[in-house]
Amino acid sequence: MFKNTFHQSGFLSLYYSLGSKPLQLWQTHEGKDDGGVIHDVVDPQIQSKCLEIASENISSCFISCPALNSRTLGIRLPYVNLVVKNLNKYFSFEVEVMDDKDTVRRFRISNFQEETRCQSFICTLPLRMEEDWNIIQVNLADLTKVAYGTLYAETRRITVNGSCRLRVLFFADNAYSQEQLPPELRLFIPNRERK
C-alpha cells in the first residue's frame, strides 16, 4: 500500500478515531458468536470518540490493516504508536514485519503474556498497561535486531485484538514526545488533575 511512497519520513497515521472514514483501510472481525463488538463510543475521560474492540475471546474480535489479505503495508517507518484505553481485559496487537533477509517475522504484544518468547518467526512480548489511557510506542528496528539478529525492512500488516479502546495508531520515523506530535496524534485528557 505504501511501499512506493517516495520518501517515508515523519508520521503515517493508519487509524484516527475522528477521521471521516477511520476504518477505511482496515478489515474488521467482530466474532459475534463470542459476543464480540467493534463500534464507536464516546469515552467520558477524553470526551471524544474512539473505537471500542471488545470480546471475551480476543482471537475472534480484531481489526487488521490492510483490509485485503493479499496486500501488504510496505511501511518503512520503524516506530509503531498506539493510544489505547485499558479496559482491564485481555488485549493484544500483532505487527508483521519483513527483515533484510526477506523473511516475514511477527511480534505479538499482549497484557496477558508474562515473559518474552522468541521462536524463528514469532516473538511474543509482555505489555504492562496503566489504568485508563496508555501511549504504547514500539521500536520495530530494535526489536527485529534483538529478537532475530536481522535488520528491520518494513511493516507488512498490523492487527489489534480486543479488548481496548483505540484512539489513534500511527507509524513514525523516530521516537517523539507528546509535545512534538501533531495535535491529532496526541493524547489529550480534558481537566486532568495535576499531581
Protein backbone atom coordinates (compact mmCIF):
# COMPACT_ATOMS: atom_id res chain seq x y z
CA MET A 1 0.00 0.00 0.00
CA PHE A 2 2.70 2.49 0.99
CA LYS A 3 5.76 0.70 -0.42
CA ASN A 4 6.09 3.01 -3.42
CA THR A 5 5.80 6.17 -1.35
CA PHE A 6 8.89 8.09 -2.46
CA HIS A 7 10.17 9.24 0.92
CA GLN A 8 8.72 7.87 4.12
CA SER A 9 9.50 10.22 6.99
CA GLY A 10 7.69 11.92 9.83
CA PHE A 11 4.32 10.34 10.62
CA LEU A 12 1.95 7.97 8.85
CA SER A 13 -1.45 7.55 10.51
CA LEU A 14 -3.35 4.31 9.89
CA TYR A 15 -6.16 4.97 12.32
CA TYR A 16 -7.53 8.22 13.73
CA SER A 17 -10.86 7.95 15.55
CA LEU A 18 -12.08 11.38 14.41
CA GLY A 19 -11.30 10.82 10.72
CA SER A 20 -14.13 10.83 8.18
CA LYS A 21 -13.72 7.07 7.50
CA PRO A 22 -11.37 5.82 10.22
CA LEU A 23 -11.67 2.12 9.31
CA GLN A 24 -11.36 2.64 5.55
CA LEU A 25 -8.03 0.77 5.37
CA TRP A 26 -9.00 -1.88 7.91
CA GLN A 27 -10.73 -5.25 7.92
CA THR A 28 -12.94 -5.91 10.97
CA HIS A 29 -13.80 -9.25 12.61
CA GLU A 30 -16.32 -8.89 15.40
CA GLY A 31 -16.54 -12.52 16.47
CA LYS A 32 -20.25 -12.13 17.21
CA ASP A 33 -20.51 -15.82 18.16
CA ASP A 34 -18.22 -14.98 21.09
CA GLY A 35 -20.05 -11.75 21.97
CA GLY A 36 -17.53 -9.53 20.22
CA VAL A 37 -18.29 -5.93 19.27
CA ILE A 38 -16.42 -3.30 17.32
CA HIS A 39 -18.11 0.08 17.48
CA ASP A 40 -17.56 3.78 18.03
CA VAL A 41 -18.07 5.08 21.55
CA VAL A 42 -17.54 8.42 23.22
CA ASP A 43 -15.08 7.92 26.04
CA PRO A 44 -16.02 10.12 29.02
CA GLN A 45 -12.43 10.55 30.16
CA ILE A 46 -11.12 12.05 26.90
CA GLN A 47 -14.59 13.39 25.94
CA SER A 48 -14.10 12.17 22.39
CA LYS A 49 -14.98 9.38 20.01
CA CYS A 50 -12.82 6.25 19.91
CA LEU A 51 -13.14 2.68 18.65
CA GLU A 52 -14.06 0.01 21.16
CA ILE A 53 -12.94 -3.52 20.32
CA ALA A 54 -14.33 -5.86 22.97
CA SER A 55 -14.71 -9.60 23.35
CA GLU A 56 -14.06 -12.36 25.84
CA ASN A 57 -12.19 -14.19 23.05
CA ILE A 58 -9.50 -11.86 21.67
CA SER A 59 -8.61 -14.19 18.81
CA SER A 60 -12.04 -13.76 17.20
CA CYS A 61 -12.50 -9.98 17.64
CA PHE A 62 -9.96 -7.74 15.91
CA ILE A 63 -9.17 -5.18 13.24
CA SER A 64 -6.40 -5.74 10.71
CA CYS A 65 -4.66 -3.50 8.18
CA PRO A 66 -4.51 -3.71 5.22
CA ALA A 67 -8.09 -4.81 4.67
CA LEU A 68 -7.18 -7.25 1.90
CA ASN A 69 -5.09 -10.24 2.95
CA SER A 70 -3.37 -10.20 -0.45
CA ARG A 71 -1.88 -6.74 0.18
CA THR A 72 0.88 -5.52 2.47
CA LEU A 73 1.52 -2.14 4.04
CA GLY A 74 5.12 -1.61 2.94
CA ILE A 75 5.71 0.92 5.75
CA ARG A 76 9.41 1.54 6.42
CA LEU A 77 8.93 3.83 9.44
CA PRO A 78 10.25 1.81 12.41
CA TYR A 79 8.17 3.17 15.32
CA VAL A 80 4.59 1.99 15.77
CA ASN A 81 2.49 4.04 18.20
CA LEU A 82 -0.91 3.28 19.68
CA VAL A 83 -3.08 5.31 22.02
CA VAL A 84 -5.34 2.78 23.76
CA LYS A 85 -7.50 2.60 26.85
CA ASN A 86 -7.02 -0.28 29.23
CA LEU A 87 -10.40 -1.96 29.76
CA ASN A 88 -8.91 -4.36 32.33
CA LYS A 89 -9.41 -7.29 29.97
CA TYR A 90 -7.11 -9.23 27.68
CA PHE A 91 -5.60 -7.07 24.95
CA SER A 92 -3.00 -7.73 22.27
CA PHE A 93 -1.68 -6.43 19.00
CA GLU A 94 0.49 -8.06 16.39
CA VAL A 95 2.90 -6.50 13.91
CA GLU A 96 4.11 -8.49 10.90
CA VAL A 97 7.44 -7.25 9.54
CA MET A 98 9.87 -8.20 6.82
CA ASP A 99 13.58 -8.15 7.61
CA ASP A 100 16.64 -7.58 5.43
CA LYS A 101 16.74 -11.34 4.65
CA ASP A 102 13.23 -11.09 3.09
CA THR A 103 11.89 -13.20 5.94
CA VAL A 104 8.47 -12.42 7.40
CA ARG A 105 8.54 -12.18 11.21
CA ARG A 106 5.85 -11.34 13.76
CA PHE A 107 5.74 -9.57 17.10
CA ARG A 108 2.73 -10.29 19.30
CA ILE A 109 2.49 -7.93 22.26
CA SER A 110 -0.11 -8.58 24.97
CA ASN A 111 -1.08 -7.70 28.52
CA PHE A 112 -1.52 -11.37 29.48
CA GLN A 113 1.90 -12.66 28.37
CA GLU A 114 4.25 -12.89 31.34
CA GLU A 115 7.59 -13.40 29.62
CA THR A 116 9.24 -12.83 26.26
CA ARG A 117 9.39 -15.86 23.99
CA CYS A 118 11.18 -15.85 20.65
CA GLN A 119 10.93 -18.54 18.00
CA SER A 120 12.12 -18.44 14.40
CA PHE A 121 9.19 -16.45 13.04
CA ILE A 122 7.26 -15.10 16.03
CA CYS A 123 8.25 -13.24 19.18
CA THR A 124 5.69 -12.75 21.96
CA LEU A 125 6.23 -9.90 24.39
CA PRO A 126 4.52 -8.85 27.63
CA LEU A 127 2.86 -5.45 27.90
CA ARG A 128 2.29 -3.70 31.20
CA MET A 129 -0.60 -1.27 30.93
CA GLU A 130 -1.51 1.54 33.28
CA GLU A 131 -5.10 2.21 34.30
CA ASP A 132 -7.14 4.14 31.73
CA TRP A 133 -5.32 5.60 28.69
CA ASN A 134 -1.90 4.37 27.57
CA ILE A 135 0.58 5.53 24.95
CA ILE A 136 2.36 2.50 23.51
CA GLN A 137 5.46 3.05 21.38
CA VAL A 138 7.40 0.12 19.90
CA ASN A 139 10.73 0.40 18.09
CA LEU A 140 10.43 -2.34 15.47
CA ALA A 141 14.02 -1.87 14.25
CA ASP A 142 15.43 -2.56 17.72
CA LEU A 143 13.06 -5.48 18.31
CA THR A 144 13.92 -7.11 14.99
CA LYS A 145 17.65 -6.83 15.69
CA VAL A 146 17.40 -8.17 19.25
CA ALA A 147 14.84 -10.93 18.61
CA TYR A 148 16.00 -12.21 15.22
CA GLY A 149 19.51 -10.80 14.69
CA THR A 150 18.42 -9.20 11.42
CA LEU A 151 17.57 -5.68 10.24
CA TYR A 152 14.04 -4.28 10.01
CA ALA A 153 13.00 -3.57 6.42
CA GLU A 154 9.25 -2.84 6.55
CA THR A 155 5.93 -3.47 8.27
CA ARG A 156 3.59 -5.67 6.25
CA ARG A 157 0.50 -5.90 8.47
CA ILE A 158 -0.83 -4.84 11.86
CA THR A 159 -3.67 -6.39 13.86
CA VAL A 160 -5.31 -5.03 17.02
CA ASN A 161 -7.27 -7.56 19.11
CA GLY A 162 -9.85 -6.73 21.75
CA SER A 163 -10.37 -5.63 24.35
CA CYS A 164 -9.44 -1.97 24.25
CA ARG A 165 -10.50 1.47 23.13
CA LEU A 166 -8.36 2.77 20.28
CA ARG A 167 -7.88 6.49 19.73
CA VAL A 168 -5.03 6.58 17.21
CA LEU A 169 -2.49 4.25 15.58
CA PHE A 170 0.42 5.66 13.60
CA PHE A 171 3.97 4.98 12.45
CA ALA A 172 6.87 7.40 12.89
CA ASP A 173 10.48 7.73 11.81
CA ASN A 174 11.69 8.45 15.37
CA ALA A 175 10.58 8.39 18.99
CA TYR A 176 8.66 11.62 19.60
CA SER A 177 7.40 13.13 22.84
CA GLN A 178 3.74 14.13 23.09
CA GLU A 179 4.74 17.78 22.68
CA GLN A 180 6.45 17.03 19.36
CA LEU A 181 3.43 15.28 17.83
CA PRO A 182 0.78 16.91 15.66
CA PRO A 183 -2.36 17.66 17.75
CA GLU A 184 -4.41 14.84 16.20
CA LEU A 185 -1.85 12.22 17.29
CA ARG A 186 -1.61 13.35 20.92
CA LEU A 187 -3.47 12.01 23.90
CA PHE A 188 -5.42 14.88 25.41
CA ILE A 189 -7.39 14.35 28.61
CA PRO A 190 -9.52 17.41 29.46
CA ASN A 191 -9.46 18.68 33.05
CA ARG A 192 -6.79 16.20 34.10
CA GLU A 193 -5.86 16.77 37.71
CA ARG A 194 -2.20 17.64 38.22
CA LYS A 195 -0.44 15.76 40.96
